[in-house]
Amino acid sequence: MGKKDKKRRVCPKEFKVGAMAPAEKREKPIRQAATDLGVGDKLLYRWRSKPKSRQGRVRRPFPDMDGPGLRKEVNALMTANEIPKMNREFYAEEAGAK
């Protein structure tokens, strides 16, 4: 039975909060809480280190830009890149003409 045969278990937010409660209250060490729940201790450490405000959210590379805003920025950058390209071509022609 290889890794491909195992199904990933998806834990709901409520389970994560409940799992971390004893460790956060210092009632149990994280390793013991993980063993009691049947999950790896590294998983609980990851849940603990993840900021509470970001749990369950999808990461976006540019969170402040939506689709149209991102397209507008890309178009502006492409236009800004065209000017130096046209200058290079112009000066290359001038240098070749002399």
PDB file of N, CA and C in Angstrom:
ATOM      1  N   MET A   1       0.850  -1.182   0.000  1.00  0.00           N
ATOM      2  CA  MET A   1       0.000   0.000   0.000  1.00  0.00           C
ATOM      3  C   MET A   1       0.890   1.239   0.000  1.00  0.00           C
ATOM      4  N   GLY A   2       0.908   1.959  -1.098  1.00  0.00           N
ATOM      5  CA  GLY A   2       1.749   3.144  -1.225  1.00  0.00           C
ATOM      6  C   GLY A   2       1.022   4.403  -0.818  1.00  0.00           C
ATOM      7  N   LYS A   3       1.702   5.514  -0.976  1.00  0.00           N
ATOM      8  CA  LYS A   3       1.120   6.805  -0.611  1.00  0.00           C
ATOM      9  C   LYS A   3      -0.067   7.165  -1.487  1.00  0.00           C
ATOM     10  N   LYS A   4      -0.074   6.670  -2.718  1.00  0.00           N
ATOM     11  CA  LYS A   4      -1.164   6.995  -3.637  1.00  0.00           C
ATOM     12  C   LYS A   4      -2.485   6.380  -3.181  1.00  0.00           C
ATOM     13  N   ASP A   5      -2.420   5.287  -2.429  1.00  0.00           N
ATOM     14  CA  ASP A   5      -3.626   4.605  -1.989  1.00  0.00           C
ATOM     15  C   ASP A   5      -4.282   5.288  -0.792  1.00  0.00           C
ATOM     16  N   LYS A   6      -3.553   6.138  -0.075  1.00  0.00           N
ATOM     17  CA  LYS A   6      -4.103   6.799   1.105  1.00  0.00           C
ATOM     18  C   LYS A   6      -4.922   8.007   0.698  1.00  0.00           C
ATOM     19  N   LYS A   7      -6.030   8.207   1.379  1.00  0.00           N
ATOM     20  CA  LYS A   7      -6.869   9.381   1.162  1.00  0.00           C
ATOM     21  C   LYS A   7      -6.484  10.442   2.181  1.00  0.00           C
ATOM     22  N   ARG A   8      -6.408  11.683   1.733  1.00  0.00           N
ATOM     23  CA  ARG A   8      -6.139  12.791   2.651  1.00  0.00           C
ATOM     24  C   ARG A   8      -7.398  13.103   3.417  1.00  0.00           C
ATOM     25  N   ARG A   9      -7.225  13.267   4.701  1.00  0.00           N
ATOM     26  CA  ARG A   9      -8.350  13.620   5.545  1.00  0.00           C
ATOM     27  C   ARG A   9      -8.440  15.145   5.617  1.00  0.00           C
ATOM     28  N   VAL A  10      -9.613  15.686   5.380  1.00  0.00           N
ATOM     29  CA  VAL A  10      -9.823  17.128   5.463  1.00  0.00           C
ATOM     30  C   VAL A  10     -10.505  17.410   6.796  1.00  0.00           C
ATOM     31  N   CYS A  11      -9.877  18.246   7.585  1.00  0.00           N
ATOM     32  CA  CYS A  11     -10.403  18.557   8.910  1.00  0.00           C
ATOM     33  C   CYS A  11     -11.128  19.896   8.876  1.00  0.00           C
ATOM     34  N   PRO A  12     -12.363  19.937   9.367  1.00  0.00           N
ATOM     35  CA  PRO A  12     -13.082  21.216   9.397  1.00  0.00           C
ATOM     36  C   PRO A  12     -12.472  22.172  10.420  1.00  0.00           C
ATOM     37  N   LYS A  13     -12.776  23.432  10.283  1.00  0.00           N
ATOM     38  CA  LYS A  13     -12.219  24.467  11.152  1.00  0.00           C
ATOM     39  C   LYS A  13     -12.555  24.196  12.616  1.00  0.00           C
ATOM     40  N   GLU A  14     -13.772  23.733  12.877  1.00  0.00           N
ATOM     41  CA  GLU A  14     -14.189  23.464  14.259  1.00  0.00           C
ATOM     42  C   GLU A  14     -13.307  22.394  14.894  1.00  0.00           C
ATOM     43  N   PHE A  15     -12.946  21.376  14.104  1.00  0.00           N
ATOM     44  CA  PHE A  15     -12.078  20.320  14.616  1.00  0.00           C
ATOM     45  C   PHE A  15     -10.702  20.883  14.958  1.00  0.00           C
ATOM     46  N   LYS A  16     -10.191  21.734  14.089  1.00  0.00           N
ATOM     47  CA  LYS A  16      -8.877  22.323  14.321  1.00  0.00           C
ATOM     48  C   LYS A  16      -8.862  23.158  15.600  1.00  0.00           C
ATOM     49  N   VAL A  17      -9.901  23.962  15.775  1.00  0.00           N
ATOM     50  CA  VAL A  17      -9.974  24.807  16.969  1.00  0.00           C
ATOM     51  C   VAL A  17     -10.072  23.944  18.216  1.00  0.00           C
ATOM     52  N   GLY A  18     -10.909  22.923  18.161  1.00  0.00           N
ATOM     53  CA  GLY A  18     -11.057  22.019  19.305  1.00  0.00           C
ATOM     54  C   GLY A  18      -9.791  21.232  19.583  1.00  0.00           C
ATOM     55  N   ALA A  19      -9.078  20.879  18.542  1.00  0.00           N
ATOM     56  CA  ALA A  19      -7.846  20.111  18.713  1.00  0.00           C
ATOM     57  C   ALA A  19      -6.755  20.956  19.358  1.00  0.00           C
ATOM     58  N   MET A  20      -6.732  22.236  19.043  1.00  0.00           N
ATOM     59  CA  MET A  20      -5.690  23.110  19.573  1.00  0.00           C
ATOM     60  C   MET A  20      -6.002  23.635  20.970  1.00  0.00           C
ATOM     61  N   ALA A  21      -7.261  23.554  21.412  1.00  0.00           N
ATOM     62  CA  ALA A  21      -7.659  24.133  22.699  1.00  0.00           C
ATOM     63  C   ALA A  21      -6.842  23.594  23.871  1.00  0.00           C
ATOM     64  N   PRO A  22      -6.694  22.270  24.060  1.00  0.00           N
ATOM     65  CA  PRO A  22      -5.910  21.797  25.208  1.00  0.00           C
ATOM     66  C   PRO A  22      -4.442  22.234  25.154  1.00  0.00           C
ATOM     67  N   ALA A  23      -3.884  22.280  23.961  1.00  0.00           N
ATOM     68  CA  ALA A  23      -2.480  22.674  23.824  1.00  0.00           C
ATOM     69  C   ALA A  23      -2.312  24.170  24.101  1.00  0.00           C
ATOM     70  N   GLU A  24      -3.267  24.980  23.648  1.00  0.00           N
ATOM     71  CA  GLU A  24      -3.170  26.414  23.886  1.00  0.00           C
ATOM     72  C   GLU A  24      -3.381  26.773  25.346  1.00  0.00           C
ATOM     73  N   LYS A  25      -4.215  25.993  26.042  1.00  0.00           N
ATOM     74  CA  LYS A  25      -4.451  26.241  27.473  1.00  0.00           C
ATOM     75  C   LYS A  25      -3.362  25.613  28.339  1.00  0.00           C
ATOM     76  N   ARG A  26      -2.401  24.981  27.688  1.00  0.00           N
ATOM     77  CA  ARG A  26      -1.283  24.306  28.361  1.00  0.00           C
ATOM     78  C   ARG A  26      -1.753  23.147  29.245  1.00  0.00           C
ATOM     79  N   GLU A  27      -2.922  22.564  28.893  1.00  0.00           N
ATOM     80  CA  GLU A  27      -3.402  21.397  29.617  1.00  0.00           C
ATOM     81  C   GLU A  27      -2.631  20.141  29.200  1.00  0.00           C
ATOM     82  N   LYS A  28      -2.263  20.104  27.927  1.00  0.00           N
ATOM     83  CA  LYS A  28      -1.533  18.957  27.384  1.00  0.00           C
ATOM     84  C   LYS A  28      -0.453  19.466  26.455  1.00  0.00           C
ATOM     85  N   PRO A  29       0.633  18.714  26.348  1.00  0.00           N
ATOM     86  CA  PRO A  29       1.611  19.054  25.310  1.00  0.00           C
ATOM     87  C   PRO A  29       1.004  18.761  23.926  1.00  0.00           C
ATOM     88  N   ILE A  30       1.487  19.445  22.926  1.00  0.00           N
ATOM     89  CA  ILE A  30       0.955  19.267  21.574  1.00  0.00           C
ATOM     90  C   ILE A  30       1.117  17.820  21.119  1.00  0.00           C
ATOM     91  N   ARG A  31       2.228  17.225  21.441  1.00  0.00           N
ATOM     92  CA  ARG A  31       2.462  15.835  21.025  1.00  0.00           C
ATOM     93  C   ARG A  31       1.399  14.901  21.605  1.00  0.00           C
ATOM     94  N   GLN A  32       1.041  15.100  22.872  1.00  0.00           N
ATOM     95  CA  GLN A  32       0.036  14.263  23.514  1.00  0.00           C
ATOM     96  C   GLN A  32      -1.347  14.521  22.911  1.00  0.00           C
ATOM     97  N   ALA A  33      -1.669  15.785  22.651  1.00  0.00           N
ATOM     98  CA  ALA A  33      -2.961  16.118  22.036  1.00  0.00           C
ATOM     99  C   ALA A  33      -3.067  15.487  20.657  1.00  0.00           C
ATOM    100  N   ALA A  34      -1.988  15.507  19.902  1.00  0.00           N
ATOM    101  CA  ALA A  34      -1.992  14.911  18.565  1.00  0.00           C
ATOM    102  C   ALA A  34      -2.199  13.407  18.636  1.00  0.00           C
ATOM    103  N   THR A  35      -1.534  12.752  19.574  1.00  0.00           N
ATOM    104  CA  THR A  35      -1.685  11.307  19.731  1.00  0.00           C
ATOM    105  C   THR A  35      -3.112  10.958  20.105  1.00  0.00           C
ATOM    106  N   ASP A  36      -3.716  11.735  21.007  1.00  0.00           N
ATOM    107  CA  ASP A  36      -5.095  11.478  21.422  1.00  0.00           C
ATOM    108  C   ASP A  36      -6.073  11.621  20.265  1.00  0.00           C
ATOM    109  N   LEU A  37      -5.801  12.550  19.359  1.00  0.00           N
ATOM    110  CA  LEU A  37      -6.697  12.792  18.228  1.00  0.00           C
ATOM    111  C   LEU A  37      -6.403  11.896  17.027  1.00  0.00           C
ATOM    112  N   GLY A  38      -5.250  11.256  17.024  1.00  0.00           N
ATOM    113  CA  GLY A  38      -4.892  10.399  15.908  1.00  0.00           C
ATOM    114  C   GLY A  38      -4.347  11.157  14.712  1.00  0.00           C
ATOM    115  N   VAL A  39      -3.742  12.316  14.966  1.00  0.00           N
ATOM    116  CA  VAL A  39      -3.121  13.092  13.893  1.00  0.00           C
ATOM    117  C   VAL A  39      -1.646  13.281  14.247  1.00  0.00           C
ATOM    118  N   GLY A  40      -0.868  13.685  13.288  1.00  0.00           N
ATOM    119  CA  GLY A  40       0.549  13.914  13.521  1.00  0.00           C
ATOM    120  C   GLY A  40       0.787  15.191  14.315  1.00  0.00           C
ATOM    121  N   ASP A  41       1.812  15.178  15.150  1.00  0.00           N
ATOM    122  CA  ASP A  41       2.101  16.364  15.951  1.00  0.00           C
ATOM    123  C   ASP A  41       2.539  17.535  15.080  1.00  0.00           C
ATOM    124  N   LYS A  42       3.195  17.252  13.963  1.00  0.00           N
ATOM    125  CA  LYS A  42       3.612  18.336  13.065  1.00  0.00           C
ATOM    126  C   LYS A  42       2.408  19.067  12.487  1.00  0.00           C
ATOM    127  N   LEU A  43       1.313  18.339  12.290  1.00  0.00           N
ATOM    128  CA  LEU A  43       0.094  18.957  11.783  1.00  0.00           C
ATOM    129  C   LEU A  43      -0.443  19.965  12.798  1.00  0.00           C
ATOM    130  N   LEU A  44      -0.454  19.602  14.075  1.00  0.00           N
ATOM    131  CA  LEU A  44      -0.918  20.540  15.099  1.00  0.00           C
ATOM    132  C   LEU A  44       0.008  21.737  15.211  1.00  0.00           C
ATOM    133  N   TYR A  45       1.305  21.505  15.073  1.00  0.00           N
ATOM    134  CA  TYR A  45       2.241  22.638  15.091  1.00  0.00           C
ATOM    135  C   TYR A  45       1.945  23.588  13.930  1.00  0.00           C
ATOM    136  N   ARG A  46       1.626  23.026  12.747  1.00  0.00           N
ATOM    137  CA  ARG A  46       1.289  23.850  11.591  1.00  0.00           C
ATOM    138  C   ARG A  46       0.015  24.655  11.833  1.00  0.00           C
ATOM    139  N   TRP A  47      -0.992  23.992  12.417  1.00  0.00           N
ATOM    140  CA  TRP A  47      -2.239  24.696  12.713  1.00  0.00           C
ATOM    141  C   TRP A  47      -1.994  25.824  13.702  1.00  0.00           C
ATOM    142  N   ARG A  48      -1.117  25.578  14.666  1.00  0.00           N
ATOM    143  CA  ARG A  48      -0.838  26.595  15.671  1.00  0.00           C
ATOM    144  C   ARG A  48      -0.108  27.780  15.064  1.00  0.00           C
ATOM    145  N   SER A  49       0.817  27.523  14.135  1.00  0.00           N
ATOM    146  CA  SER A  49       1.615  28.601  13.564  1.00  0.00           C
ATOM    147  C   SER A  49       0.848  29.410  12.521  1.00  0.00           C
ATOM    148  N   LYS A  50      -0.209  28.848  11.948  1.00  0.00           N
ATOM    149  CA  LYS A  50      -0.992  29.572  10.940  1.00  0.00           C
ATOM    150  C   LYS A  50      -1.807  30.656  11.647  1.00  0.00           C
ATOM    151  N   PRO A  51      -1.733  31.884  11.152  1.00  0.00           N
ATOM    152  CA  PRO A  51      -2.515  32.957  11.784  1.00  0.00           C
ATOM    153  C   PRO A  51      -4.006  32.645  11.751  1.00  0.00           C
ATOM    154  N   LYS A  52      -4.679  32.936  12.846  1.00  0.00           N
ATOM    155  CA  LYS A  52      -6.108  32.621  12.953  1.00  0.00           C
ATOM    156  C   LYS A  52      -6.939  33.322  11.888  1.00  0.00           C
ATOM    157  N   SER A  53      -6.540  34.502  11.485  1.00  0.00           N
ATOM    158  CA  SER A  53      -7.313  35.255  10.496  1.00  0.00           C
ATOM    159  C   SER A  53      -7.240  34.636   9.109  1.00  0.00           C
ATOM    160  N   ARG A  54      -6.223  33.812   8.848  1.00  0.00           N
ATOM    161  CA  ARG A  54      -6.055  33.259   7.497  1.00  0.00           C
ATOM    162  C   ARG A  54      -6.503  31.817   7.384  1.00  0.00           C
ATOM    163  N   GLN A  55      -6.910  31.180   8.485  1.00  0.00           N
ATOM    164  CA  GLN A  55      -7.302  29.786   8.408  1.00  0.00           C
ATOM    165  C   GLN A  55      -8.549  29.638   7.546  1.00  0.00           C
ATOM    166  N   GLY A  56      -8.498  28.714   6.632  1.00  0.00           N
ATOM    167  CA  GLY A  56      -9.632  28.431   5.769  1.00  0.00           C
ATOM    168  C   GLY A  56      -9.763  29.363   4.584  1.00  0.00           C
ATOM    169  N   ARG A  57      -8.841  30.270   4.391  1.00  0.00           N
ATOM    170  CA  ARG A  57      -8.914  31.182   3.252  1.00  0.00           C
ATOM    171  C   ARG A  57      -7.973  30.721   2.150  1.00  0.00           C
ATOM    172  N   VAL A  58      -8.327  31.053   0.943  1.00  0.00           N
ATOM    173  CA  VAL A  58      -7.493  30.722  -0.202  1.00  0.00           C
ATOM    174  C   VAL A  58      -6.492  31.852  -0.392  1.00  0.00           C
ATOM    175  N   ARG A  59      -5.241  31.498  -0.609  1.00  0.00           N
ATOM    176  CA  ARG A  59      -4.220  32.521  -0.854  1.00  0.00           C
ATOM    177  C   ARG A  59      -4.323  33.016  -2.284  1.00  0.00           C
ATOM    178  N   ARG A  60      -4.216  34.322  -2.442  1.00  0.00           N
ATOM    179  CA  ARG A  60      -4.184  34.916  -3.768  1.00  0.00           C
ATOM    180  C   ARG A  60      -2.872  35.645  -3.905  1.00  0.00           C
ATOM    181  N   PRO A  61      -2.235  35.587  -5.059  1.00  0.00           N
ATOM    182  CA  PRO A  61      -0.936  36.229  -5.201  1.00  0.00           C
ATOM    183  C   PRO A  61      -0.998  37.745  -5.062  1.00  0.00           C
ATOM    184  N   PHE A  62      -2.092  38.356  -5.472  1.00  0.00           N
ATOM    185  CA  PHE A  62      -2.278  39.800  -5.346  1.00  0.00           C
ATOM    186  C   PHE A  62      -3.628  40.038  -4.674  1.00  0.00           C
ATOM    187  N   PRO A  63      -3.692  39.955  -3.345  1.00  0.00           N
ATOM    188  CA  PRO A  63      -4.991  40.023  -2.679  1.00  0.00           C
ATOM    189  C   PRO A  63      -5.704  41.354  -2.854  1.00  0.00           C
ATOM    190  N   ASP A  64      -4.972  42.431  -3.119  1.00  0.00           N
ATOM    191  CA  ASP A  64      -5.612  43.730  -3.247  1.00  0.00           C
ATOM    192  C   ASP A  64      -6.090  44.012  -4.670  1.00  0.00           C
ATOM    193  N   MET A  65      -5.840  43.109  -5.600  1.00  0.00           N
ATOM    194  CA  MET A  65      -6.228  43.343  -6.987  1.00  0.00           C
ATOM    195  C   MET A  65      -7.199  42.265  -7.445  1.00  0.00           C
ATOM    196  N   ASP A  66      -8.293  42.684  -8.005  1.00  0.00           N
ATOM    197  CA  ASP A  66      -9.226  41.741  -8.593  1.00  0.00           C
ATOM    198  C   ASP A  66      -8.829  41.483 -10.044  1.00  0.00           C
ATOM    199  N   GLY A  67      -9.604  40.711 -10.750  1.00  0.00           N
ATOM    200  CA  GLY A  67      -9.281  40.378 -12.129  1.00  0.00           C
ATOM    201  C   GLY A  67      -9.108  41.583 -13.034  1.00  0.00           C
ATOM    202  N   PRO A  68     -10.098  42.495 -13.106  1.00  0.00           N
ATOM    203  CA  PRO A  68      -9.952  43.667 -13.981  1.00  0.00           C
ATOM    204  C   PRO A  68      -8.798  44.583 -13.543  1.00  0.00           C
ATOM    205  N   GLY A  69      -8.602  44.743 -12.238  1.00  0.00           N
ATOM    206  CA  GLY A  69      -7.503  45.581 -11.749  1.00  0.00           C
ATOM    207  C   GLY A  69      -6.160  45.018 -12.135  1.00  0.00           C
ATOM    208  N   LEU A  70      -6.047  43.708 -12.071  1.00  0.00           N
ATOM    209  CA  LEU A  70      -4.800  43.046 -12.448  1.00  0.00           C
ATOM    210  C   LEU A  70      -4.555  43.195 -13.951  1.00  0.00           C
ATOM    211  N   ARG A  71      -5.611  43.042 -14.754  1.00  0.00           N
ATOM    212  CA  ARG A  71      -5.467  43.210 -16.195  1.00  0.00           C
ATOM    213  C   ARG A  71      -5.024  44.624 -16.546  1.00  0.00           C
ATOM    214  N   LYS A  72      -5.578  45.604 -15.848  1.00  0.00           N
ATOM    215  CA  LYS A  72      -5.219  47.002 -16.094  1.00  0.00           C
ATOM    216  C   LYS A  72      -3.739  47.228 -15.773  1.00  0.00           C
ATOM    217  N   GLU A  73      -3.266  46.642 -14.675  1.00  0.00           N
ATOM    218  CA  GLU A  73      -1.859  46.788 -14.291  1.00  0.00           C
ATOM    219  C   GLU A  73      -0.944  46.126 -15.312  1.00  0.00           C
ATOM    220  N   VAL A  74      -1.310  44.953 -15.800  1.00  0.00           N
ATOM    221  CA  VAL A  74      -0.503  44.250 -16.804  1.00  0.00           C
ATOM    222  C   VAL A  74      -0.440  45.073 -18.087  1.00  0.00           C
ATOM    223  N   ASN A  75      -1.565  45.626 -18.504  1.00  0.00           N
ATOM    224  CA  ASN A  75      -1.582  46.450 -19.726  1.00  0.00           C
ATOM    225  C   ASN A  75      -0.700  47.681 -19.565  1.00  0.00           C
ATOM    226  N   ALA A  76      -0.740  48.303 -18.387  1.00  0.00           N
ATOM    227  CA  ALA A  76       0.101  49.485 -18.144  1.00  0.00           C
ATOM    228  C   ALA A  76       1.580  49.115 -18.207  1.00  0.00           C
ATOM    229  N   LEU A  77       1.938  47.975 -17.647  1.00  0.00           N
ATOM    230  CA  LEU A  77       3.338  47.534 -17.672  1.00  0.00           C
ATOM    231  C   LEU A  77       3.784  47.188 -19.086  1.00  0.00           C
ATOM    232  N   MET A  78       2.906  46.574 -19.856  1.00  0.00           N
ATOM    233  CA  MET A  78       3.262  46.239 -21.235  1.00  0.00           C
ATOM    234  C   MET A  78       3.469  47.503 -22.055  1.00  0.00           C
ATOM    235  N   THR A  79       2.629  48.509 -21.843  1.00  0.00           N
ATOM    236  CA  THR A  79       2.771  49.782 -22.552  1.00  0.00           C
ATOM    237  C   THR A  79       4.078  50.457 -22.153  1.00  0.00           C
ATOM    238  N   ALA A  80       4.386  50.444 -20.865  1.00  0.00           N
ATOM    239  CA  ALA A  80       5.630  51.053 -20.382  1.00  0.00           C
ATOM    240  C   ALA A  80       6.844  50.326 -20.948  1.00  0.00           C
ATOM    241  N   ASN A  81       6.713  49.045 -21.196  1.00  0.00           N
ATOM    242  CA  ASN A  81       7.818  48.259 -21.743  1.00  0.00           C
ATOM    243  C   ASN A  81       7.999  48.517 -23.237  1.00  0.00           C
ATOM    244  N   GLU A  82       6.966  48.922 -23.923  1.00  0.00           N
ATOM    245  CA  GLU A  82       7.035  49.184 -25.374  1.00  0.00           C
ATOM    246  C   GLU A  82       7.917  50.379 -25.692  1.00  0.00           C
ATOM    247  N   ILE A  83       7.902  51.421 -24.855  1.00  0.00           N
ATOM    248  CA  ILE A  83       8.659  52.644 -25.134  1.00  0.00           C
ATOM    249  C   ILE A  83      10.160  52.376 -25.223  1.00  0.00           C
ATOM    250  N   PRO A  84      10.774  51.686 -24.225  1.00  0.00           N
ATOM    251  CA  PRO A  84      12.208  51.394 -24.370  1.00  0.00           C
ATOM    252  C   PRO A  84      12.507  50.498 -25.579  1.00  0.00           C
ATOM    253  N   LYS A  85      11.573  49.596 -25.901  1.00  0.00           N
ATOM    254  CA  LYS A  85      11.775  48.714 -27.049  1.00  0.00           C
ATOM    255  C   LYS A  85      11.808  49.535 -28.348  1.00  0.00           C
ATOM    256  N   MET A  86      10.892  50.489 -28.471  1.00  0.00           N
ATOM    257  CA  MET A  86      10.875  51.333 -29.674  1.00  0.00           C
ATOM    258  C   MET A  86      12.137  52.189 -29.739  1.00  0.00           C
ATOM    259  N   ASN A  87      12.604  52.683 -28.592  1.00  0.00           N
ATOM    260  CA  ASN A  87      13.839  53.474 -28.569  1.00  0.00           C
ATOM    261  C   ASN A  87      15.036  52.644 -29.024  1.00  0.00           C
ATOM    262  N   ARG A  88      15.129  51.404 -28.551  1.00  0.00           N
ATOM    263  CA  ARG A  88      16.240  50.528 -28.959  1.00  0.00           C
ATOM    264  C   ARG A  88      16.229  50.299 -30.463  1.00  0.00           C
ATOM    265  N   GLU A  89      15.041  50.046 -30.997  1.00  0.00           N
ATOM    266  CA  GLU A  89      14.931  49.819 -32.436  1.00  0.00           C
ATOM    267  C   GLU A  89      15.316  51.075 -33.220  1.00  0.00           C
ATOM    268  N   PHE A  90      14.877  52.240 -32.759  1.00  0.00           N
ATOM    269  CA  PHE A  90      15.190  53.497 -33.429  1.00  0.00           C
ATOM    270  C   PHE A  90      16.694  53.739 -33.438  1.00  0.00           C
ATOM    271  N   TYR A  91      17.344  53.604 -32.277  1.00  0.00           N
ATOM    272  CA  TYR A  91      18.786  53.863 -32.208  1.00  0.00           C
ATOM    273  C   TYR A  91      19.593  52.799 -32.941  1.00  0.00           C
ATOM    274  N   ALA A  92      19.078  51.571 -33.026  1.00  0.00           N
ATOM    275  CA  ALA A  92      19.766  50.547 -33.799  1.00  0.00           C
ATOM    276  C   ALA A  92      19.739  50.892 -35.284  1.00  0.00           C
ATOM    277  N   GLU A  93      18.604  51.410 -35.766  1.00  0.00           N
ATOM    278  CA  GLU A  93      18.502  51.825 -37.161  1.00  0.00           C
ATOM    279  C   GLU A  93      19.401  53.009 -37.443  1.00  0.00           C
ATOM    280  N   GLU A  94      19.437  53.977 -36.519  1.00  0.00           N
ATOM    281  CA  GLU A  94      20.291  55.166 -36.675  1.00  0.00           C
ATOM    282  C   GLU A  94      21.763  54.776 -36.707  1.00  0.00           C
ATOM    283  N   ALA A  95      22.147  53.847 -35.846  1.00  0.00           N
ATOM    284  CA  ALA A  95      23.540  53.422 -35.808  1.00  0.00           C
ATOM    285  C   ALA A  95      23.922  52.675 -37.088  1.00  0.00           C
ATOM    286  N   GLY A  96      22.987  51.905 -37.646  1.00  0.00           N
ATOM    287  CA  GLY A  96      23.246  51.158 -38.867  1.00  0.00           C
ATOM    288  C   GLY A  96      23.268  52.066 -40.092  1.00  0.00           C
ATOM    289  N   ALA A  97      22.586  53.190 -40.066  1.00  0.00           N
ATOM    290  CA  ALA A  97      22.503  54.091 -41.213  1.00  0.00           C
ATOM    291  C   ALA A  97      23.793  54.905 -41.383  1.00  0.00           C
ATOM    292  N   LYS A  98      24.523  55.102 -40.333  1.00  0.00           N
ATOM    293  CA  LYS A  98      25.731  55.923 -40.408  1.00  0.00           C
ATOM    294  C   LYS A  98      26.903  55.175 -40.919  1.00  0.00           C
TER     295      LYS A  98
END
